[in-house]
Protein backbone atom coordinates (compact mmCIF):
# COMPACT_ATOMS: atom_id res chain seq x y z
CA MET A 1 0.00 0.00 0.00
CA THR A 2 1.33 3.42 -0.95
CA ASP A 3 0.95 6.49 1.23
CA PRO A 4 -1.89 8.63 -0.22
CA ALA A 5 -0.11 11.75 0.99
CA ASN A 6 2.80 10.84 -1.29
CA THR A 7 0.76 9.67 -4.30
CA ILE A 8 -0.09 11.45 -7.55
CA ALA A 9 -2.96 10.20 -9.72
CA PHE A 10 -3.16 10.23 -13.52
CA GLN A 11 -5.55 9.07 -16.24
CA GLY A 12 -4.31 6.06 -18.17
CA GLU A 13 -2.45 2.79 -17.85
CA PRO A 14 0.99 2.43 -16.23
CA GLY A 15 3.53 3.70 -18.75
CA ALA A 16 1.21 6.30 -20.28
CA TYR A 17 2.67 9.72 -21.03
CA SER A 18 0.70 11.03 -18.04
CA ASP A 19 2.53 8.47 -15.89
CA LEU A 20 5.83 9.67 -17.36
CA ALA A 21 4.83 13.28 -16.59
CA CYS A 22 4.14 12.33 -12.96
CA ARG A 23 7.50 10.61 -12.59
CA THR A 24 9.32 13.54 -14.20
CA ALA A 25 7.60 16.37 -12.32
CA CYS A 26 7.18 14.57 -8.98
CA PRO A 27 9.91 11.89 -8.90
CA ASP A 28 9.53 11.24 -5.17
CA MET A 29 5.82 10.43 -5.39
CA ALA A 30 4.15 7.11 -6.18
CA THR A 31 1.87 7.13 -9.23
CA LEU A 32 -1.75 5.95 -9.25
CA PRO A 33 -3.30 4.99 -12.63
CA CYS A 34 -7.00 5.78 -13.11
CA ASP A 35 -9.38 4.72 -15.86
CA THR A 36 -10.96 8.13 -16.52
CA PHE A 37 -10.41 11.80 -15.73
CA GLU A 38 -13.41 11.61 -13.38
CA ASP A 39 -11.70 8.78 -11.50
CA THR A 40 -8.48 10.81 -11.35
CA PHE A 41 -10.23 13.81 -9.80
CA ALA A 42 -12.10 11.50 -7.41
CA ALA A 43 -8.86 9.84 -6.27
CA VAL A 44 -7.70 13.21 -4.93
CA GLY A 45 -11.10 14.31 -3.65
CA GLU A 46 -11.53 11.06 -1.73
CA GLY A 47 -8.01 11.17 -0.27
CA ARG A 48 -6.47 8.25 -2.19
CA ALA A 49 -3.92 10.61 -3.73
CA ALA A 50 -2.57 14.04 -2.82
CA LYS A 51 -2.25 15.39 -6.36
CA ALA A 52 -3.53 14.79 -9.87
CA MET A 53 -1.61 15.19 -13.13
CA ILE A 54 -4.13 16.29 -15.76
CA ALA A 55 -3.32 16.57 -19.48
CA ILE A 56 -4.86 19.78 -20.74
CA ASP A 57 -3.60 20.22 -24.30
CA ASN A 58 -1.06 18.99 -26.84
CA SER A 59 0.97 21.03 -29.30
CA VAL A 60 -0.07 18.73 -32.17
CA ALA A 61 -3.49 17.30 -31.23
CA GLY A 62 -4.87 20.39 -29.47
CA ARG A 63 -7.19 20.50 -26.48
CA VAL A 64 -7.77 17.33 -24.46
CA ALA A 65 -11.47 16.49 -24.65
CA ASP A 66 -13.70 16.77 -21.55
CA VAL A 67 -11.06 18.22 -19.21
CA HIS A 68 -12.34 21.80 -19.36
CA HIS A 69 -15.83 20.60 -18.50
CA LEU A 70 -14.61 18.53 -15.55
CA MET A 71 -12.07 20.81 -13.88
CA PRO A 72 -14.51 23.48 -12.62
CA GLU A 73 -16.67 20.83 -10.94
CA SER A 74 -13.80 18.77 -9.51
CA GLY A 75 -13.40 20.77 -6.31
CA LEU A 76 -9.64 20.78 -6.90
CA HIS A 77 -7.22 23.65 -7.47
CA ILE A 78 -4.46 24.05 -10.05
CA VAL A 79 -1.16 24.42 -8.20
CA GLY A 80 1.36 23.94 -11.01
CA GLU A 81 1.98 23.11 -14.65
CA HIS A 82 4.27 20.67 -16.42
CA PHE A 83 5.33 20.35 -20.05
CA GLN A 84 6.17 16.82 -21.18
CA ARG A 85 7.79 16.15 -24.53
CA VAL A 86 6.13 13.21 -26.26
CA VAL A 87 8.79 10.84 -27.60
CA HIS A 88 7.08 7.97 -29.39
CA HIS A 89 8.83 4.60 -29.64
CA LEU A 90 8.01 1.69 -31.91
CA LEU A 91 7.76 -1.14 -29.38
CA ALA A 92 7.57 -4.86 -30.11
CA PRO A 93 8.09 -8.23 -28.36
CA LYS A 94 11.60 -9.61 -28.10
CA GLY A 95 12.59 -11.31 -31.32
CA ALA A 96 10.54 -9.01 -33.53
CA THR A 97 12.22 -6.92 -36.21
CA LEU A 98 11.09 -4.16 -38.54
CA GLN A 99 10.78 -6.84 -41.23
CA THR A 100 8.43 -9.08 -39.20
CA LEU A 101 5.95 -6.33 -38.32
CA LYS A 102 2.53 -6.15 -39.99
CA THR A 103 0.33 -4.27 -37.51
CA VAL A 104 0.87 -1.34 -35.15
CA HIS A 105 -1.39 -0.45 -32.20
CA SER A 106 -1.74 2.91 -30.42
CA HIS A 107 -3.97 5.81 -29.38
CA VAL A 108 -6.08 7.58 -31.99
CA HIS A 109 -3.83 10.66 -31.77
CA ALA A 110 -0.50 8.83 -31.66
CA LEU A 111 -1.04 6.89 -34.88
CA PRO A 112 -1.44 9.92 -37.19
CA GLN A 113 1.49 11.57 -35.42
CA CYS A 114 3.68 8.78 -36.82
CA ARG A 115 2.25 8.52 -40.35
CA LYS A 116 5.62 8.57 -42.11
CA LEU A 117 7.01 5.53 -40.33
CA ILE A 118 3.74 3.60 -40.57
CA ARG A 119 3.67 4.25 -44.32
CA GLU A 120 7.37 3.43 -44.71
CA LEU A 121 6.94 0.05 -43.04
CA GLY A 122 3.57 -0.65 -44.67
CA LEU A 123 1.86 -1.33 -41.33
CA LYS A 124 -1.85 -1.65 -40.60
CA ALA A 125 -2.85 0.80 -37.84
CA VAL A 126 -5.18 -0.34 -35.01
CA VAL A 127 -6.67 2.20 -32.58
CA HIS A 128 -6.53 1.60 -28.82
CA ALA A 129 -7.83 3.57 -25.85
CA ASP A 130 -4.34 4.76 -24.97
CA THR A 131 -0.69 4.22 -25.87
CA ALA A 132 0.25 2.28 -22.73
CA GLY A 133 -2.78 0.01 -23.09
CA ALA A 134 -1.68 -0.75 -26.63
CA ALA A 135 1.79 -1.65 -25.36
CA ALA A 136 0.31 -3.92 -22.68
CA ASP A 137 -1.85 -5.69 -25.27
CA VAL A 138 1.07 -6.21 -27.67
CA ALA A 139 3.18 -7.60 -24.81
CA LYS A 140 0.40 -10.00 -23.85
CA ARG A 141 0.08 -11.29 -27.42
CA GLY A 142 3.83 -11.82 -27.82
CA ASP A 143 3.34 -11.82 -31.60
CA PRO A 144 6.40 -10.63 -33.60
CA THR A 145 4.09 -9.21 -36.27
CA GLN A 146 2.46 -6.83 -33.75
CA ALA A 147 3.95 -3.55 -32.49
CA ALA A 148 2.82 -0.57 -30.42
CA ILE A 149 3.56 3.13 -30.47
CA ALA A 150 4.07 4.27 -26.90
CA SER A 151 6.60 5.72 -24.48
CA GLU A 152 9.95 4.19 -23.60
CA LEU A 153 8.58 3.83 -20.07
CA ALA A 154 5.74 1.65 -21.37
CA GLY A 155 8.31 -0.56 -23.11
CA GLN A 156 10.22 -0.98 -19.87
CA ILE A 157 7.10 -1.77 -17.86
CA TYR A 158 5.72 -4.35 -20.30
CA GLY A 159 9.00 -5.89 -21.42
CA LEU A 160 8.96 -4.68 -25.01
CA VAL A 161 11.93 -3.75 -27.19
CA SER A 162 12.21 -0.36 -28.88
CA LEU A 163 12.82 -0.98 -32.59
CA ARG A 164 12.84 2.73 -33.44
CA ALA A 165 12.95 5.78 -31.14
CA ASP A 166 11.58 9.31 -31.58
CA ILE A 167 9.38 8.34 -34.52
CA ALA A 168 6.86 11.20 -34.52
CA ASP A 169 6.63 13.28 -37.70
CA ASN A 170 6.73 16.49 -35.63
CA PRO A 171 9.81 16.71 -33.36
CA ASN A 172 8.17 19.36 -31.15
CA ASN A 173 5.29 17.22 -29.89
CA THR A 174 4.65 18.38 -26.32
CA THR A 175 1.77 17.90 -23.88
CA ARG A 176 0.95 20.47 -21.23
CA PHE A 177 -0.33 19.19 -17.89
CA VAL A 178 -1.73 20.96 -14.85
CA ILE A 179 -1.12 19.65 -11.35
CA MET A 180 -4.16 19.79 -9.07
CA GLN A 181 -4.80 19.23 -5.37
CA ARG A 182 -7.49 19.85 -2.74
CA GLU A 183 -5.94 22.97 -1.21
CA PRO A 184 -5.12 26.09 -3.26
CA TYR A 185 -1.58 27.43 -3.62
CA ASP A 186 -0.64 31.08 -3.24
CA PRO A 187 2.70 31.79 -4.95
CA ASP A 188 4.65 34.98 -4.38
CA PRO A 189 4.55 37.04 -7.60
CA ALA A 190 7.83 38.66 -6.57
CA ALA A 191 9.53 35.26 -6.84
CA GLY A 192 8.74 34.76 -10.53
CA GLN A 193 6.03 34.70 -13.16
CA VAL A 194 2.60 33.69 -11.86
CA LEU A 195 -0.38 32.40 -13.87
CA THR A 196 -4.05 32.52 -12.91
CA SER A 197 -6.55 30.11 -14.49
CA PHE A 198 -10.29 30.72 -14.38
CA VAL A 199 -13.59 30.05 -16.14
CA PHE A 200 -16.37 32.53 -16.85
CA ARG A 201 -19.64 32.88 -18.73
CA VAL A 202 -20.61 36.09 -20.48
CA ARG A 203 -24.05 37.64 -20.50
CA SER A 204 -26.08 37.04 -23.65
CA VAL A 205 -25.81 40.60 -25.00
CA PRO A 206 -23.98 42.10 -28.00
CA ALA A 207 -20.23 42.62 -27.54
CA ALA A 208 -20.34 40.97 -24.09
CA LEU A 209 -17.05 39.10 -24.58
CA TYR A 210 -15.35 42.22 -25.98
CA LYS A 211 -16.46 44.24 -22.95
CA ALA A 212 -15.63 41.48 -20.46
CA LEU A 213 -12.06 41.21 -21.72
CA GLY A 214 -11.52 44.93 -22.19
CA GLY A 215 -10.28 45.33 -18.64
CA PHE A 216 -7.31 43.07 -19.33
CA ALA A 217 -6.23 45.28 -22.24
CA THR A 218 -6.67 48.59 -20.41
CA ASN A 219 -4.84 47.27 -17.33
CA GLY A 220 -1.98 45.66 -19.28
CA VAL A 221 -2.73 42.07 -18.25
CA ASN A 222 -1.61 39.45 -20.77
CA ILE A 223 -4.10 36.70 -21.65
CA VAL A 224 -2.04 33.64 -22.57
CA LYS A 225 -4.93 31.25 -23.21
CA LEU A 226 -8.62 31.66 -24.06
CA GLU A 227 -10.92 28.85 -25.15
CA SER A 228 -14.69 28.51 -25.39
CA TYR A 229 -16.98 25.49 -25.23
CA MET A 230 -20.72 25.00 -25.12
CA ILE A 231 -22.31 23.84 -21.86
CA ASP A 232 -25.97 23.42 -22.84
CA ALA A 233 -27.84 21.21 -25.28
CA TRP A 234 -29.17 24.18 -27.26
CA PHE A 235 -25.74 25.71 -28.04
CA THR A 236 -26.75 29.02 -26.49
CA VAL A 237 -24.50 29.19 -23.41
CA ALA A 238 -20.73 29.36 -23.81
CA GLN A 239 -18.23 29.00 -21.02
CA PHE A 240 -14.70 30.32 -21.43
CA TYR A 241 -11.49 28.92 -19.98
CA ALA A 242 -8.76 31.54 -19.62
CA GLU A 243 -5.23 31.87 -18.31
CA ILE A 244 -3.54 35.18 -17.59
CA GLU A 245 -0.16 36.34 -16.42
CA GLY A 246 -0.35 37.78 -12.92
CA HIS A 247 -1.68 37.24 -9.40
CA PRO A 248 -5.26 38.20 -8.39
CA ASP A 249 -3.86 40.42 -5.61
CA GLN A 250 -1.90 42.56 -8.05
CA ARG A 251 -3.74 45.82 -8.73
CA SER A 252 -3.84 45.46 -12.51
CA VAL A 253 -5.21 41.92 -12.30
CA ARG A 254 -7.70 42.86 -9.58
CA LEU A 255 -9.12 45.70 -11.68
CA ALA A 256 -9.30 43.50 -14.80
CA MET A 257 -11.10 40.74 -12.88
CA GLU A 258 -13.56 43.26 -11.42
CA GLU A 259 -14.47 44.43 -14.92
CA LEU A 260 -14.75 40.83 -16.08
CA GLY A 261 -17.15 40.12 -13.23
CA PHE A 262 -19.34 43.07 -14.16
CA PHE A 263 -19.95 41.73 -17.66
CA SER A 264 -20.01 37.99 -16.77
CA ARG A 265 -22.59 35.70 -15.24
CA GLU A 266 -20.00 33.76 -13.25
CA VAL A 267 -16.25 33.90 -12.68
CA LYS A 268 -14.48 31.00 -10.96
CA ILE A 269 -10.75 30.91 -10.30
CA LEU A 270 -9.37 27.40 -10.78
CA GLY A 271 -5.86 28.10 -9.56
CA VAL A 272 -2.98 30.50 -9.06
CA TYR A 273 0.45 28.97 -9.66
CA SER A 274 4.03 29.56 -10.74
CA ALA A 275 4.72 29.45 -14.47
CA ASN A 276 6.90 26.54 -15.60
CA PRO A 277 10.39 27.56 -16.83
CA PHE A 278 9.53 25.86 -20.14
CA ARG A 279 7.67 29.02 -21.08
CA GLN A 280 10.96 30.94 -21.11
CA GLY A 281 12.69 28.27 -23.15
CA GLY A 282 13.92 26.28 -20.15
CA GLY A 283 12.20 23.13 -21.43
CA ARG A 284 13.63 23.26 -24.94
């Protein structure tokens, strides 16, 4: 049994890129695999883990589905961010070679990210729920004609051999994660760049979004991320997920948030946290 206070939960099978992100960002913590994002949030809310590593978007595939809907209702707070480079490996059972392969298994996003190699080898692509699950299935089959596209960590866990490393078409494939926990974090803005994440809904009136965001422009607050998604069955209510540079206690941010609140139905801060050095090129 692992200590929940020293455990970080993630969505996916052991060896998934979320697992790798946990081990990279929090190397002293045990990792807890969960079937769904809901299960991952629940693991923290119920005290089975202290933190959750949540994939939020990918530089190639874009936004991770469902996460923006689930985060506001999770009861958890964003306390950090992590950028994980995605290095795909072509994994196969021992004894397999590039010449014996006929089929490759992986996640629906990972397969098109490796089109060139799949075409070069003439492989049939088979979609799986996730990359690590594909690796586990290939290991279980032990068939030298079957391969998986997954992380090096997945190969180590399931006893597969890497026949080709770093096989993605785009060498800059990176996934951004947020780290969440039950208690909020209050970083010192004097110690470095701070980000604030929040969601809001605008009133259903002309130019509402323009007016709601005007305070950030007039107060010199940089919006680094803004996304919208529908939250009703009639496609009439949009919720926005935003990230800004700055701390809510800073005067410029406070004034901008006050103006946002005036033109919005609801504003909910999801977390205040230190920006990862990757943003300044430290992760490249």
